[in-house]
Amino acid sequence: MAITVMEVLKNLPRTNCGDCGQATCLAFATHVIKEGEDLGKCPHLTGAGADMGQAVRAQQEAGVGRRRESLAISLEVLQEKVAPLDFAALAEGLGATYGEEGGRPYLSLTYFGHRLQVFKDELRYPAGADADPWDAILLYNYIAAQGQEPVAGRWIAYNSLPNSVSKAKTLTRLEKKLADHFAGQAPGLQERVSRLGGKMVAVGEDADVQAAFMPLPKVPLLLLFWDAEAEEGFAPQAHWLFDASVTAYLDLEAMLFLVEHLMERLMAS
């Protein structure tokens, strides 16, 4: 039986240290299975993880488990989680609307500015929207959380959340990547924010760019960006803040995944 992304992940340290070159352990496990990445690039493998290396290499050489298979397995696990859920009861709390098509229940919700229909076994995009198969992973995670809390309207830092210490390093690396990309280009960042449906806000900070996004109905994100000041010797900085209710809708790993997805859109040429 093929080794899956989740099986590889279980044998990784899950500290998101970044020593392998990927932002998260989940991202590394995914690259190992779907892209043929060398499992040995994780310098912290011990025990069962190290023993898995030979089996993973054999699977990679046979072409088993690459992109399509690993995605299908991940989706299957999440769809099993949402299958017994009452979509009608969850709709309001998730900021979605409930509907049915041919007896099949679905949730209609806004995701990065597009209105999507999420069935228990299918994700449907509106005409003209670019489909990304990994969107389903995040959306099914959002639904599986069964969040019902209102948006708090209070911004908090990722490292203030319980059990976030080891994962906070990953967010720091992502923030540095974004800051370096837009160094000296604050107006360009503002333009990208506008294209993605973000709104410029003022939250009492002295940042050059303060932008709020609503990628999911109940998960607002705030981006603060300070441009470089060569004369003062200051490097560019970027920080992501989350609404205080975020853990009712996404776990720590999914939060990083959402930030990474948003960054990809912002940095796209």
C-alpha atoms as a PDB file:
ATOM      1  CA  MET A   1       0.000   0.000   0.000  1.00  0.00           C
ATOM      2  CA  ALA A   2       1.353   3.453  -0.943  1.00  0.00           C
ATOM      3  CA  ILE A   3       2.887   5.659   1.738  1.00  0.00           C
ATOM      4  CA  THR A   4       0.817   8.829   2.102  1.00  0.00           C
ATOM      5  CA  VAL A   5       1.593  12.419   2.966  1.00  0.00           C
ATOM      6  CA  MET A   6      -0.016  11.946   6.376  1.00  0.00           C
ATOM      7  CA  GLU A   7       2.120   8.893   7.136  1.00  0.00           C
ATOM      8  CA  VAL A   8       5.287  10.796   6.304  1.00  0.00           C
ATOM      9  CA  LEU A   9       4.094  13.736   8.414  1.00  0.00           C
ATOM     10  CA  LYS A  10       3.517  11.476  11.433  1.00  0.00           C
ATOM     11  CA  ASN A  11       7.183  10.503  11.340  1.00  0.00           C
ATOM     12  CA  LEU A  12       8.532  14.050  11.051  1.00  0.00           C
ATOM     13  CA  PRO A  13       9.317  16.157  14.153  1.00  0.00           C
ATOM     14  CA  ARG A  14       6.398  18.507  13.288  1.00  0.00           C
ATOM     15  CA  THR A  15       8.230  21.527  14.673  1.00  0.00           C
ATOM     16  CA  ASN A  16       8.218  23.419  11.351  1.00  0.00           C
ATOM     17  CA  CYS A  17      11.893  24.252  11.909  1.00  0.00           C
ATOM     18  CA  GLY A  18      12.497  24.888   8.201  1.00  0.00           C
ATOM     19  CA  ASP A  19      15.848  23.079   8.150  1.00  0.00           C
ATOM     20  CA  CYS A  20      14.640  21.032   5.167  1.00  0.00           C
ATOM     21  CA  GLY A  21      14.006  24.171   3.131  1.00  0.00           C
ATOM     22  CA  GLN A  22      10.208  24.028   3.340  1.00  0.00           C
ATOM     23  CA  ALA A  23       8.037  26.338   5.418  1.00  0.00           C
ATOM     24  CA  THR A  24       6.249  23.556   7.316  1.00  0.00           C
ATOM     25  CA  CYS A  25       6.575  19.842   7.993  1.00  0.00           C
ATOM     26  CA  LEU A  26       3.318  19.345   6.082  1.00  0.00           C
ATOM     27  CA  ALA A  27       4.752  21.132   3.052  1.00  0.00           C
ATOM     28  CA  PHE A  28       7.895  18.967   3.225  1.00  0.00           C
ATOM     29  CA  ALA A  29       5.890  15.745   3.546  1.00  0.00           C
ATOM     30  CA  THR A  30       3.785  16.793   0.568  1.00  0.00           C
ATOM     31  CA  HIS A  31       6.881  17.481  -1.534  1.00  0.00           C
ATOM     32  CA  VAL A  32       8.368  14.121  -0.560  1.00  0.00           C
ATOM     33  CA  ILE A  33       5.313  12.234  -1.793  1.00  0.00           C
ATOM     34  CA  LYS A  34       4.092  14.321  -4.711  1.00  0.00           C
ATOM     35  CA  GLU A  35       7.340  15.825  -6.006  1.00  0.00           C
ATOM     36  CA  GLY A  36       9.926  13.176  -5.152  1.00  0.00           C
ATOM     37  CA  GLU A  37      11.756  15.297  -2.570  1.00  0.00           C
ATOM     38  CA  ASP A  38      14.472  13.428  -0.628  1.00  0.00           C
ATOM     39  CA  LEU A  39      13.132  12.467   2.806  1.00  0.00           C
ATOM     40  CA  GLY A  40      16.712  12.660   4.061  1.00  0.00           C
ATOM     41  CA  LYS A  41      16.612  16.454   3.732  1.00  0.00           C
ATOM     42  CA  CYS A  42      14.958  16.451   7.140  1.00  0.00           C
ATOM     43  CA  PRO A  43      17.982  16.348   9.482  1.00  0.00           C
ATOM     44  CA  HIS A  44      15.860  15.385  12.477  1.00  0.00           C
ATOM     45  CA  LEU A  45      14.548  11.985  11.361  1.00  0.00           C
ATOM     46  CA  THR A  46      14.846   9.260  13.975  1.00  0.00           C
ATOM     47  CA  GLY A  47      13.443   5.797  14.492  1.00  0.00           C
ATOM     48  CA  ALA A  48      10.511   4.969  12.250  1.00  0.00           C
ATOM     49  CA  GLY A  49      11.036   8.116  10.200  1.00  0.00           C
ATOM     50  CA  ALA A  50      14.566   7.144   9.279  1.00  0.00           C
ATOM     51  CA  ASP A  51      13.495   3.563   8.572  1.00  0.00           C
ATOM     52  CA  MET A  52      10.813   4.830   6.200  1.00  0.00           C
ATOM     53  CA  GLY A  53      13.404   6.356   3.860  1.00  0.00           C
ATOM     54  CA  GLN A  54      14.095   3.244   1.767  1.00  0.00           C
ATOM     55  CA  ALA A  55      10.388   2.518   1.265  1.00  0.00           C
ATOM     56  CA  VAL A  56       9.742   6.111   0.254  1.00  0.00           C
ATOM     57  CA  ARG A  57      12.585   6.022  -2.290  1.00  0.00           C
ATOM     58  CA  ALA A  58      11.228   2.820  -3.813  1.00  0.00           C
ATOM     59  CA  GLN A  59       7.792   4.390  -4.073  1.00  0.00           C
ATOM     60  CA  GLN A  60       9.218   7.525  -5.684  1.00  0.00           C
ATOM     61  CA  GLU A  61      11.149   5.484  -8.246  1.00  0.00           C
ATOM     62  CA  ALA A  62       7.956   3.646  -9.137  1.00  0.00           C
ATOM     63  CA  GLY A  63       6.138   6.950  -9.579  1.00  0.00           C
ATOM     64  CA  VAL A  64       3.544   6.004  -6.962  1.00  0.00           C
ATOM     65  CA  GLY A  65       1.918   8.647  -4.803  1.00  0.00           C
ATOM     66  CA  ARG A  66       2.900  11.664  -6.872  1.00  0.00           C
ATOM     67  CA  ARG A  67       0.779  14.779  -7.000  1.00  0.00           C
ATOM     68  CA  ARG A  68      -2.549  13.269  -7.979  1.00  0.00           C
ATOM     69  CA  GLU A  69      -2.437  10.357  -5.551  1.00  0.00           C
ATOM     70  CA  SER A  70      -1.289  12.352  -2.521  1.00  0.00           C
ATOM     71  CA  LEU A  71      -3.885  15.057  -3.098  1.00  0.00           C
ATOM     72  CA  ALA A  72      -6.613  12.461  -3.510  1.00  0.00           C
ATOM     73  CA  ILE A  73      -5.664  10.778  -0.231  1.00  0.00           C
ATOM     74  CA  SER A  74      -5.562  14.073   1.693  1.00  0.00           C
ATOM     75  CA  LEU A  75      -8.927  15.078   0.294  1.00  0.00           C
ATOM     76  CA  GLU A  76     -10.415  11.697   1.068  1.00  0.00           C
ATOM     77  CA  VAL A  77      -9.462  12.012   4.741  1.00  0.00           C
ATOM     78  CA  LEU A  78     -10.973  15.487   5.039  1.00  0.00           C
ATOM     79  CA  GLN A  79     -14.112  14.580   3.129  1.00  0.00           C
ATOM     80  CA  GLU A  80     -14.639  11.704   5.532  1.00  0.00           C
ATOM     81  CA  LYS A  81     -14.508  14.254   8.364  1.00  0.00           C
ATOM     82  CA  VAL A  82     -17.167  16.507   6.855  1.00  0.00           C
ATOM     83  CA  ALA A  83     -19.398  13.732   5.503  1.00  0.00           C
ATOM     84  CA  PRO A  84     -21.472  13.326   8.705  1.00  0.00           C
ATOM     85  CA  LEU A  85     -21.738  17.058   9.407  1.00  0.00           C
ATOM     86  CA  ASP A  86     -25.025  18.932   9.156  1.00  0.00           C
ATOM     87  CA  PHE A  87     -24.214  21.661   6.631  1.00  0.00           C
ATOM     88  CA  ALA A  88     -27.509  23.448   7.248  1.00  0.00           C
ATOM     89  CA  ALA A  89     -26.745  23.787  10.951  1.00  0.00           C
ATOM     90  CA  LEU A  90     -23.175  24.936  10.358  1.00  0.00           C
ATOM     91  CA  ALA A  91     -23.815  27.449   7.575  1.00  0.00           C
ATOM     92  CA  GLU A  92     -24.536  30.586   9.604  1.00  0.00           C
ATOM     93  CA  GLY A  93     -21.655  30.058  12.026  1.00  0.00           C
ATOM     94  CA  LEU A  94     -19.203  29.617   9.150  1.00  0.00           C
ATOM     95  CA  GLY A  95     -20.434  32.713   7.339  1.00  0.00           C
ATOM     96  CA  ALA A  96     -21.836  30.572   4.536  1.00  0.00           C
ATOM     97  CA  THR A  97     -25.235  29.931   3.009  1.00  0.00           C
ATOM     98  CA  TYR A  98     -26.787  26.510   2.734  1.00  0.00           C
ATOM     99  CA  GLY A  99     -28.126  25.011  -0.443  1.00  0.00           C
ATOM    100  CA  GLU A 100     -28.962  21.733  -2.106  1.00  0.00           C
ATOM    101  CA  GLU A 101     -28.562  20.475  -5.639  1.00  0.00           C
ATOM    102  CA  GLY A 102     -30.171  17.214  -6.602  1.00  0.00           C
ATOM    103  CA  GLY A 103     -30.454  16.315  -2.932  1.00  0.00           C
ATOM    104  CA  ARG A 104     -26.759  17.041  -2.331  1.00  0.00           C
ATOM    105  CA  PRO A 105     -26.122  19.612   0.399  1.00  0.00           C
ATOM    106  CA  TYR A 106     -23.510  22.295  -0.113  1.00  0.00           C
ATOM    107  CA  LEU A 107     -22.165  25.438   1.522  1.00  0.00           C
ATOM    108  CA  SER A 108     -21.736  28.573  -0.562  1.00  0.00           C
ATOM    109  CA  LEU A 109     -19.008  30.807   0.822  1.00  0.00           C
ATOM    110  CA  THR A 110     -16.575  33.504  -0.228  1.00  0.00           C
ATOM    111  CA  TYR A 111     -12.953  32.436  -0.615  1.00  0.00           C
ATOM    112  CA  PHE A 112     -10.397  35.009  -1.762  1.00  0.00           C
ATOM    113  CA  GLY A 113     -13.155  37.067  -3.328  1.00  0.00           C
ATOM    114  CA  HIS A 114     -14.859  34.230  -5.214  1.00  0.00           C
ATOM    115  CA  ARG A 115     -18.128  32.578  -4.286  1.00  0.00           C
ATOM    116  CA  LEU A 116     -17.501  28.835  -4.140  1.00  0.00           C
ATOM    117  CA  GLN A 117     -19.839  25.919  -3.612  1.00  0.00           C
ATOM    118  CA  VAL A 118     -18.431  23.295  -1.269  1.00  0.00           C
ATOM    119  CA  PHE A 119     -20.190  19.953  -1.516  1.00  0.00           C
ATOM    120  CA  LYS A 120     -19.212  17.079   0.745  1.00  0.00           C
ATOM    121  CA  ASP A 121     -17.358  15.477  -2.135  1.00  0.00           C
ATOM    122  CA  GLU A 122     -16.708  18.347  -4.542  1.00  0.00           C
ATOM    123  CA  LEU A 123     -15.453  21.924  -4.673  1.00  0.00           C
ATOM    124  CA  ARG A 124     -17.072  24.011  -7.392  1.00  0.00           C
ATOM    125  CA  TYR A 125     -15.630  27.320  -8.653  1.00  0.00           C
ATOM    126  CA  PRO A 126     -17.504  30.112 -10.435  1.00  0.00           C
ATOM    127  CA  ALA A 127     -16.819  30.683 -14.121  1.00  0.00           C
ATOM    128  CA  GLY A 128     -13.535  32.476 -14.712  1.00  0.00           C
ATOM    129  CA  ALA A 129     -11.974  31.632 -11.348  1.00  0.00           C
ATOM    130  CA  ASP A 130      -8.627  29.851 -11.298  1.00  0.00           C
ATOM    131  CA  ALA A 131      -8.940  26.440  -9.671  1.00  0.00           C
ATOM    132  CA  ASP A 132      -6.256  25.260  -7.265  1.00  0.00           C
ATOM    133  CA  PRO A 133      -6.706  21.687  -6.019  1.00  0.00           C
ATOM    134  CA  TRP A 134      -5.105  22.607  -2.705  1.00  0.00           C
ATOM    135  CA  ASP A 135      -7.875  25.093  -1.972  1.00  0.00           C
ATOM    136  CA  ALA A 136     -10.073  22.134  -1.077  1.00  0.00           C
ATOM    137  CA  ILE A 137      -7.665  21.109   1.688  1.00  0.00           C
ATOM    138  CA  LEU A 138      -8.032  24.481   3.410  1.00  0.00           C
ATOM    139  CA  LEU A 139     -11.772  24.790   2.846  1.00  0.00           C
ATOM    140  CA  TYR A 140     -12.575  21.336   4.197  1.00  0.00           C
ATOM    141  CA  ASN A 141     -10.377  22.082   7.220  1.00  0.00           C
ATOM    142  CA  TYR A 142     -12.359  25.281   7.765  1.00  0.00           C
ATOM    143  CA  ILE A 143     -15.663  23.429   7.601  1.00  0.00           C
ATOM    144  CA  ALA A 144     -14.455  20.504   9.724  1.00  0.00           C
ATOM    145  CA  ALA A 145     -13.599  22.933  12.550  1.00  0.00           C
ATOM    146  CA  GLN A 146     -17.348  23.655  12.873  1.00  0.00           C
ATOM    147  CA  GLY A 147     -16.582  27.138  14.193  1.00  0.00           C
ATOM    148  CA  GLN A 148     -19.481  29.186  15.507  1.00  0.00           C
ATOM    149  CA  GLU A 149     -17.765  32.133  17.214  1.00  0.00           C
ATOM    150  CA  PRO A 150     -18.274  35.710  16.019  1.00  0.00           C
ATOM    151  CA  VAL A 151     -15.270  37.621  14.731  1.00  0.00           C
ATOM    152  CA  ALA A 152     -13.743  39.257  17.800  1.00  0.00           C
ATOM    153  CA  GLY A 153     -12.535  42.424  16.098  1.00  0.00           C
ATOM    154  CA  ARG A 154      -9.255  42.265  18.013  1.00  0.00           C
ATOM    155  CA  TRP A 155      -5.922  41.568  16.337  1.00  0.00           C
ATOM    156  CA  ILE A 156      -3.445  39.166  17.917  1.00  0.00           C
ATOM    157  CA  ALA A 157      -0.001  37.847  17.018  1.00  0.00           C
ATOM    158  CA  TYR A 158       0.471  34.234  15.979  1.00  0.00           C
ATOM    159  CA  ASN A 159       3.019  33.621  18.735  1.00  0.00           C
ATOM    160  CA  SER A 160       0.446  34.577  21.368  1.00  0.00           C
ATOM    161  CA  LEU A 161      -1.589  31.458  20.539  1.00  0.00           C
ATOM    162  CA  PRO A 162      -1.176  28.296  22.640  1.00  0.00           C
ATOM    163  CA  ASN A 163       1.444  25.807  21.394  1.00  0.00           C
ATOM    164  CA  SER A 164       2.612  28.164  18.645  1.00  0.00           C
ATOM    165  CA  VAL A 165       6.226  28.673  19.740  1.00  0.00           C
ATOM    166  CA  SER A 166       7.818  26.109  17.423  1.00  0.00           C
ATOM    167  CA  LYS A 167       5.619  27.066  14.476  1.00  0.00           C
ATOM    168  CA  ALA A 168       6.113  30.815  14.913  1.00  0.00           C
ATOM    169  CA  LYS A 169       9.547  30.495  13.277  1.00  0.00           C
ATOM    170  CA  THR A 170       7.819  29.457  10.074  1.00  0.00           C
ATOM    171  CA  LEU A 171       5.643  32.565  10.063  1.00  0.00           C
ATOM    172  CA  THR A 172       8.730  34.706  10.688  1.00  0.00           C
ATOM    173  CA  ARG A 173      10.394  33.223   7.602  1.00  0.00           C
ATOM    174  CA  LEU A 174       7.275  33.845   5.530  1.00  0.00           C
ATOM    175  CA  GLU A 175       7.098  37.435   6.729  1.00  0.00           C
ATOM    176  CA  LYS A 176      10.744  38.044   5.828  1.00  0.00           C
ATOM    177  CA  LYS A 177      10.146  36.607   2.362  1.00  0.00           C
ATOM    178  CA  LEU A 178       7.237  38.985   1.811  1.00  0.00           C
ATOM    179  CA  ALA A 179       9.115  41.987   3.204  1.00  0.00           C
ATOM    180  CA  ASP A 180      12.148  41.345   0.993  1.00  0.00           C
ATOM    181  CA  HIS A 181       9.959  40.885  -2.071  1.00  0.00           C
ATOM    182  CA  PHE A 182       8.282  44.285  -1.670  1.00  0.00           C
ATOM    183  CA  ALA A 183      11.309  46.205  -0.369  1.00  0.00           C
ATOM    184  CA  GLY A 184      11.181  49.681  -1.886  1.00  0.00           C
ATOM    185  CA  GLN A 185       7.823  48.874  -3.484  1.00  0.00           C
ATOM    186  CA  ALA A 186       5.189  49.917  -0.946  1.00  0.00           C
ATOM    187  CA  PRO A 187       2.947  51.399  -3.704  1.00  0.00           C
ATOM    188  CA  GLY A 188       3.211  48.123  -5.613  1.00  0.00           C
ATOM    189  CA  LEU A 189       2.134  46.211  -2.522  1.00  0.00           C
ATOM    190  CA  GLN A 190      -0.840  48.526  -2.092  1.00  0.00           C
ATOM    191  CA  GLU A 191      -1.842  47.837  -5.687  1.00  0.00           C
ATOM    192  CA  ARG A 192      -1.631  44.078  -5.142  1.00  0.00           C
ATOM    193  CA  VAL A 193      -3.707  44.412  -1.979  1.00  0.00           C
ATOM    194  CA  SER A 194      -6.414  46.231  -3.909  1.00  0.00           C
ATOM    195  CA  ARG A 195      -6.437  43.639  -6.702  1.00  0.00           C
ATOM    196  CA  LEU A 196      -6.980  40.877  -4.170  1.00  0.00           C
ATOM    197  CA  GLY A 197      -9.882  42.664  -2.523  1.00  0.00           C
ATOM    198  CA  GLY A 198      -7.964  43.783   0.544  1.00  0.00           C
ATOM    199  CA  LYS A 199      -8.715  47.095   2.218  1.00  0.00           C
ATOM    200  CA  MET A 200      -6.310  49.687   3.521  1.00  0.00           C
ATOM    201  CA  VAL A 201      -7.006  50.313   7.208  1.00  0.00           C
ATOM    202  CA  ALA A 202      -5.557  52.287  10.109  1.00  0.00           C
ATOM    203  CA  VAL A 203      -5.006  50.330  13.299  1.00  0.00           C
ATOM    204  CA  GLY A 204      -2.824  52.747  15.199  1.00  0.00           C
ATOM    205  CA  GLU A 205       0.461  51.391  13.856  1.00  0.00           C
ATOM    206  CA  ASP A 206       3.079  53.429  11.983  1.00  0.00           C
ATOM    207  CA  ALA A 207       3.397  50.852   9.192  1.00  0.00           C
ATOM    208  CA  ASP A 208       3.655  52.081   5.603  1.00  0.00           C
ATOM    209  CA  VAL A 209       1.006  49.595   4.517  1.00  0.00           C
ATOM    210  CA  GLN A 210      -1.819  48.393   6.754  1.00  0.00           C
ATOM    211  CA  ALA A 211      -4.119  46.041   4.897  1.00  0.00           C
ATOM    212  CA  ALA A 212      -6.988  43.840   6.025  1.00  0.00           C
ATOM    213  CA  PHE A 213      -8.038  40.742   4.102  1.00  0.00           C
ATOM    214  CA  MET A 214     -11.003  38.408   4.460  1.00  0.00           C
ATOM    215  CA  PRO A 215      -9.890  35.239   2.627  1.00  0.00           C
ATOM    216  CA  LEU A 216     -12.519  33.203   4.486  1.00  0.00           C
ATOM    217  CA  PRO A 217     -15.829  34.511   5.865  1.00  0.00           C
ATOM    218  CA  LYS A 218     -14.773  34.292   9.527  1.00  0.00           C
ATOM    219  CA  VAL A 219     -10.985  34.541   9.196  1.00  0.00           C
ATOM    220  CA  PRO A 220      -9.755  38.124   8.716  1.00  0.00           C
ATOM    221  CA  LEU A 221      -6.016  38.748   8.383  1.00  0.00           C
ATOM    222  CA  LEU A 222      -4.084  41.965   8.895  1.00  0.00           C
ATOM    223  CA  LEU A 223      -0.832  42.736   7.083  1.00  0.00           C
ATOM    224  CA  LEU A 224       1.536  45.367   8.436  1.00  0.00           C
ATOM    225  CA  PHE A 225       4.455  46.371   6.203  1.00  0.00           C
ATOM    226  CA  TRP A 226       7.304  48.748   6.948  1.00  0.00           C
ATOM    227  CA  ASP A 227       9.423  49.617   3.930  1.00  0.00           C
ATOM    228  CA  ALA A 228      13.204  49.747   4.062  1.00  0.00           C
ATOM    229  CA  GLU A 229      14.880  52.966   5.158  1.00  0.00           C
ATOM    230  CA  ALA A 230      18.395  52.851   3.764  1.00  0.00           C
ATOM    231  CA  GLU A 231      19.499  56.093   5.406  1.00  0.00           C
ATOM    232  CA  GLU A 232      18.444  54.811   8.806  1.00  0.00           C
ATOM    233  CA  GLY A 233      19.745  51.313   8.168  1.00  0.00           C
ATOM    234  CA  PHE A 234      16.323  49.708   8.658  1.00  0.00           C
ATOM    235  CA  ALA A 235      15.451  46.578   6.706  1.00  0.00           C
ATOM    236  CA  PRO A 236      11.890  46.057   5.433  1.00  0.00           C
ATOM    237  CA  GLN A 237       9.546  44.261   7.802  1.00  0.00           C
ATOM    238  CA  ALA A 238       6.192  42.541   7.463  1.00  0.00           C
ATOM    239  CA  HIS A 239       3.929  41.071  10.110  1.00  0.00           C
ATOM    240  CA  TRP A 240       0.688  39.117   9.899  1.00  0.00           C
ATOM    241  CA  LEU A 241      -1.929  39.434  12.640  1.00  0.00           C
ATOM    242  CA  PHE A 242      -5.026  37.305  13.174  1.00  0.00           C
ATOM    243  CA  ASP A 243      -8.427  37.910  14.686  1.00  0.00           C
ATOM    244  CA  ALA A 244      -8.639  36.643  18.259  1.00  0.00           C
ATOM    245  CA  SER A 245     -11.304  34.112  17.207  1.00  0.00           C
ATOM    246  CA  VAL A 246      -9.098  32.392  14.606  1.00  0.00           C
ATOM    247  CA  THR A 247      -8.542  29.143  16.491  1.00  0.00           C
ATOM    248  CA  ALA A 248     -12.273  28.427  16.336  1.00  0.00           C
ATOM    249  CA  TYR A 249     -11.903  28.053  12.560  1.00  0.00           C
ATOM    250  CA  LEU A 250      -8.347  26.973  11.744  1.00  0.00           C
ATOM    251  CA  ASP A 251      -5.612  25.079  13.526  1.00  0.00           C
ATOM    252  CA  LEU A 252      -2.070  26.445  13.695  1.00  0.00           C
ATOM    253  CA  GLU A 253      -0.909  24.555  10.617  1.00  0.00           C
ATOM    254  CA  ALA A 254      -3.882  25.684   8.528  1.00  0.00           C
ATOM    255  CA  MET A 255      -3.254  29.291   9.574  1.00  0.00           C
ATOM    256  CA  LEU A 256       0.264  29.111   8.139  1.00  0.00           C
ATOM    257  CA  PHE A 257      -1.091  27.482   5.001  1.00  0.00           C
ATOM    258  CA  LEU A 258      -3.599  30.322   4.587  1.00  0.00           C
ATOM    259  CA  VAL A 259      -0.903  32.987   5.001  1.00  0.00           C
ATOM    260  CA  GLU A 260       1.319  31.202   2.494  1.00  0.00           C
ATOM    261  CA  HIS A 261      -1.565  30.991   0.010  1.00  0.00           C
ATOM    262  CA  LEU A 262      -2.307  34.712   0.414  1.00  0.00           C
ATOM    263  CA  MET A 263       1.365  35.575  -0.005  1.00  0.00           C
ATOM    264  CA  GLU A 264       1.562  33.613  -3.228  1.00  0.00           C
ATOM    265  CA  ARG A 265      -1.257  35.722  -4.592  1.00  0.00           C
ATOM    266  CA  LEU A 266       0.305  38.970  -3.424  1.00  0.00           C
ATOM    267  CA  MET A 267       3.700  38.137  -4.890  1.00  0.00           C
ATOM    268  CA  ALA A 268       2.437  36.767  -8.190  1.00  0.00           C
ATOM    269  CA  SER A 269       3.719  38.780 -11.148  1.00  0.00           C
END
